[in-house]
C-alpha atoms as a PDB file:
ATOM      1  CA  UNK A   1     105.487  84.894  98.807  1.00  0.00           C
ATOM      2  CA  UNK A   2     106.438  84.593 101.900  1.00  0.00           C
ATOM      3  CA  UNK A   3     103.547  84.073 104.675  1.00  0.00           C
ATOM      4  CA  UNK A   4     104.809  86.489 106.817  1.00  0.00           C
ATOM      5  CA  UNK A   5     102.890  90.226 106.098  1.00  0.00           C
ATOM      6  CA  UNK A   6     105.259  92.353 104.170  1.00  0.00           C
ATOM      7  CA  UNK A   7     105.343  95.976 106.005  1.00  0.00           C
ATOM      8  CA  UNK A   8     105.306  97.528 102.220  1.00  0.00           C
ATOM      9  CA  UNK A   9     105.027  97.007  98.719  1.00  0.00           C
ATOM     10  CA  UNK A  10     108.739  96.814  97.897  1.00  0.00           C
ATOM     11  CA  UNK A  11     109.099  93.989 100.606  1.00  0.00           C
ATOM     12  CA  UNK A  12     105.910  92.616  98.835  1.00  0.00           C
ATOM     13  CA  UNK A  13     107.669  92.578  95.628  1.00  0.00           C
ATOM     14  CA  UNK A  14     110.935  91.000  96.967  1.00  0.00           C
ATOM     15  CA  UNK A  15     109.345  88.134  97.404  1.00  0.00           C
ATOM     16  CA  UNK A  16     108.657  87.153  94.026  1.00  0.00           C
ATOM     17  CA  UNK A  17     110.477  85.843  91.669  1.00  0.00           C
ATOM     18  CA  UNK A  18     112.318  87.820  88.791  1.00  0.00           C
ATOM     19  CA  UNK A  19     109.919  87.719  85.884  1.00  0.00           C
ATOM     20  CA  UNK A  20     106.393  87.808  88.523  1.00  0.00           C
ATOM     21  CA  UNK A  21     108.847  90.706  89.983  1.00  0.00           C
ATOM     22  CA  UNK A  22     108.129  92.241  86.704  1.00  0.00           C
ATOM     23  CA  UNK A  23     104.716  92.072  86.561  1.00  0.00           C
ATOM     24  CA  UNK A  24     104.241  93.521  90.029  1.00  0.00           C
ATOM     25  CA  UNK A  25     106.280  96.245  89.216  1.00  0.00           C
ATOM     26  CA  UNK A  26     104.205  97.227  85.563  1.00  0.00           C
ATOM     27  CA  UNK A  27     101.210  97.011  87.800  1.00  0.00           C
ATOM     28  CA  UNK A  28     102.065  99.117  90.514  1.00  0.00           C
ATOM     29  CA  UNK A  29     103.504 101.818  87.993  1.00  0.00           C
ATOM     30  CA  UNK A  30     100.280 101.590  85.901  1.00  0.00           C
ATOM     31  CA  UNK A  31      98.012 102.556  89.297  1.00  0.00           C
ATOM     32  CA  UNK A  32     100.626 104.917  90.891  1.00  0.00           C
ATOM     33  CA  UNK A  33      99.941 106.815  87.460  1.00  0.00           C
ATOM     34  CA  UNK A  34      96.204 106.428  86.980  1.00  0.00           C
ATOM     35  CA  UNK A  35      96.097 107.115  90.417  1.00  0.00           C
ATOM     36  CA  UNK A  36      98.824 109.703  91.742  1.00  0.00           C
ATOM     37  CA  UNK A  37      97.011 110.637  95.173  1.00  0.00           C
ATOM     38  CA  UNK A  38      96.103 107.365  95.970  1.00  0.00           C
ATOM     39  CA  UNK A  39      97.958 106.380  99.502  1.00  0.00           C
ATOM     40  CA  UNK A  40      99.787 103.089  99.293  1.00  0.00           C
ATOM     41  CA  UNK A  41     100.367  99.967 101.391  1.00  0.00           C
ATOM     42  CA  UNK A  42      99.342  96.692 102.210  1.00  0.00           C
ATOM     43  CA  UNK A  43      95.841  95.454 102.962  1.00  0.00           C
ATOM     44  CA  UNK A  44      94.954  91.444 103.161  1.00  0.00           C
ATOM     45  CA  UNK A  45      98.721  91.208 102.535  1.00  0.00           C
ATOM     46  CA  UNK A  46      98.939  92.326  99.527  1.00  0.00           C
ATOM     47  CA  UNK A  47      99.639  96.197  97.543  1.00  0.00           C
ATOM     48  CA  UNK A  48      96.842  98.066  98.604  1.00  0.00           C
ATOM     49  CA  UNK A  49      95.918 101.522  97.291  1.00  0.00           C
ATOM     50  CA  UNK A  50      93.106 104.228  98.949  1.00  0.00           C
ATOM     51  CA  UNK A  51      91.730 107.652  97.970  1.00  0.00           C
ATOM     52  CA  UNK A  52      88.728 108.320 100.084  1.00  0.00           C
ATOM     53  CA  UNK A  53      88.034 104.458 100.544  1.00  0.00           C
ATOM     54  CA  UNK A  54      89.981 101.331  99.068  1.00  0.00           C
ATOM     55  CA  UNK A  55      90.609 101.684  95.224  1.00  0.00           C
ATOM     56  CA  UNK A  56      91.933  98.716  94.130  1.00  0.00           C
ATOM     57  CA  UNK A  57      94.564  95.595  95.833  1.00  0.00           C
ATOM     58  CA  UNK A  58      96.643  93.377  93.822  1.00  0.00           C
ATOM     59  CA  UNK A  59      98.607  90.144  93.797  1.00  0.00           C
ATOM     60  CA  UNK A  60     101.680  88.146  92.940  1.00  0.00           C
ATOM     61  CA  UNK A  61     100.694  84.178  92.235  1.00  0.00           C
ATOM     62  CA  UNK A  62     102.776  81.772  90.488  1.00  0.00           C
ATOM     63  CA  UNK A  63     100.990  81.748  87.103  1.00  0.00           C
ATOM     64  CA  UNK A  64      98.734  85.450  87.765  1.00  0.00           C
ATOM     65  CA  UNK A  65      98.359  88.742  89.217  1.00  0.00           C
ATOM     66  CA  UNK A  66      95.600  89.129  90.662  1.00  0.00           C
ATOM     67  CA  UNK A  67      93.497  92.468  90.848  1.00  0.00           C
ATOM     68  CA  UNK A  68      91.124  93.502  92.987  1.00  0.00           C
ATOM     69  CA  UNK A  69      88.916  96.466  92.069  1.00  0.00           C
ATOM     70  CA  UNK A  70      85.506  95.545  94.020  1.00  0.00           C
ATOM     71  CA  UNK A  71      82.992  96.142  94.545  1.00  0.00           C
ATOM     72  CA  UNK A  72      82.029  97.949  91.684  1.00  0.00           C
ATOM     73  CA  UNK A  73      85.368  98.303  88.986  1.00  0.00           C
ATOM     74  CA  UNK A  74      84.518  94.304  88.174  1.00  0.00           C
ATOM     75  CA  UNK A  75      81.012  95.314  87.420  1.00  0.00           C
ATOM     76  CA  UNK A  76      81.863  98.018  85.338  1.00  0.00           C
ATOM     77  CA  UNK A  77      84.296  96.368  82.884  1.00  0.00           C
ATOM     78  CA  UNK A  78      82.511  92.886  82.785  1.00  0.00           C
ATOM     79  CA  UNK A  79      82.418  92.952  79.059  1.00  0.00           C
ATOM     80  CA  UNK A  80      86.413  93.752  78.825  1.00  0.00           C
ATOM     81  CA  UNK A  81      86.912  92.172  82.133  1.00  0.00           C
ATOM     82  CA  UNK A  82      84.966  88.644  80.835  1.00  0.00           C
ATOM     83  CA  UNK A  83      88.654  87.392  78.750  1.00  0.00           C
ATOM     84  CA  UNK A  84      90.488  86.858  82.053  1.00  0.00           C
ATOM     85  CA  UNK A  85      89.490  84.368  84.386  1.00  0.00           C
ATOM     86  CA  UNK A  86      87.340  86.204  87.575  1.00  0.00           C
ATOM     87  CA  UNK A  87      86.050  85.044  90.940  1.00  0.00           C
ATOM     88  CA  UNK A  88      84.198  86.406  93.418  1.00  0.00           C
ATOM     89  CA  UNK A  89      86.006  90.191  93.124  1.00  0.00           C
ATOM     90  CA  UNK A  90      88.730  89.296  91.567  1.00  0.00           C
ATOM     91  CA  UNK A  91      90.424  88.849  88.217  1.00  0.00           C
ATOM     92  CA  UNK A  92      93.189  87.049  87.184  1.00  0.00           C
ATOM     93  CA  UNK A  93      95.807  88.149  84.586  1.00  0.00           C
ATOM     94  CA  UNK A  94      97.925  85.240  83.031  1.00  0.00           C
ATOM     95  CA  UNK A  95     101.667  85.615  83.604  1.00  0.00           C
ATOM     96  CA  UNK A  96     102.482  84.073  80.100  1.00  0.00           C
ATOM     97  CA  UNK A  97     100.514  87.417  78.485  1.00  0.00           C
ATOM     98  CA  UNK A  98     100.881  91.221  78.600  1.00  0.00           C
ATOM     99  CA  UNK A  99      99.040  92.967  81.814  1.00  0.00           C
ATOM    100  CA  UNK A 100      96.509  94.940  79.986  1.00  0.00           C
ATOM    101  CA  UNK A 101      97.600  97.809  81.023  1.00  0.00           C
ATOM    102  CA  UNK A 102      95.222 100.148  78.891  1.00  0.00           C
ATOM    103  CA  UNK A 103      92.115  98.530  80.927  1.00  0.00           C
ATOM    104  CA  UNK A 104      93.509  98.770  84.651  1.00  0.00           C
ATOM    105  CA  UNK A 105      94.227 102.227  83.474  1.00  0.00           C
ATOM    106  CA  UNK A 106      90.643 102.763  83.110  1.00  0.00           C
ATOM    107  CA  UNK A 107      89.409 100.692  85.888  1.00  0.00           C
ATOM    108  CA  UNK A 108      91.705 102.265  88.510  1.00  0.00           C
ATOM    109  CA  UNK A 109      90.568 105.827  87.397  1.00  0.00           C
ATOM    110  CA  UNK A 110      86.972 104.504  87.480  1.00  0.00           C
ATOM    111  CA  UNK A 111      87.429 103.160  91.002  1.00  0.00           C
ATOM    112  CA  UNK A 112      88.866 107.007  91.955  1.00  0.00           C
ATOM    113  CA  UNK A 113      86.245 108.956  90.449  1.00  0.00           C
ATOM    114  CA  UNK A 114      83.520 106.832  91.972  1.00  0.00           C
ATOM    115  CA  UNK A 115      85.405 107.305  95.658  1.00  0.00           C
ATOM    116  CA  UNK A 116      85.527 110.890  94.845  1.00  0.00           C
ATOM    117  CA  UNK A 117      82.188 111.477  94.311  1.00  0.00           C
ATOM    118  CA  UNK A 118      81.236 109.715  96.710  1.00  0.00           C
ATOM    119  CA  UNK A 119      83.438 111.538  99.797  1.00  0.00           C
ATOM    120  CA  UNK A 120      82.022 114.775  97.473  1.00  0.00           C
ATOM    121  CA  UNK A 121      78.171 113.665  99.054  1.00  0.00           C
ATOM    122  CA  UNK A 122      79.244 113.502 102.729  1.00  0.00           C
END
């Protein structure tokens, strides 16, 4: 990936190898299906999805896809995510394994529900 900030998600994905692009496109499609009203953009130099605040981010790396559903998405699904390498507020999905689409969908839907509930309280 280039060090310059991409202008959009298509540009971001285009900066990776064809193999990594396949995973990035798959996670993008999964997020968009789970949160169709979310606004897609770039945040922290990576794809970002917002709906009444930040929902999730993802990023491509040499050997994994980083997924960021901070702060609560990781806590809520701690058991399911324990099979993957985790960092503070992140989880790594290896490029040599299929993406856990059902789990990503559940996390994104959880974050949408959470953000909508917060917005109602305001």
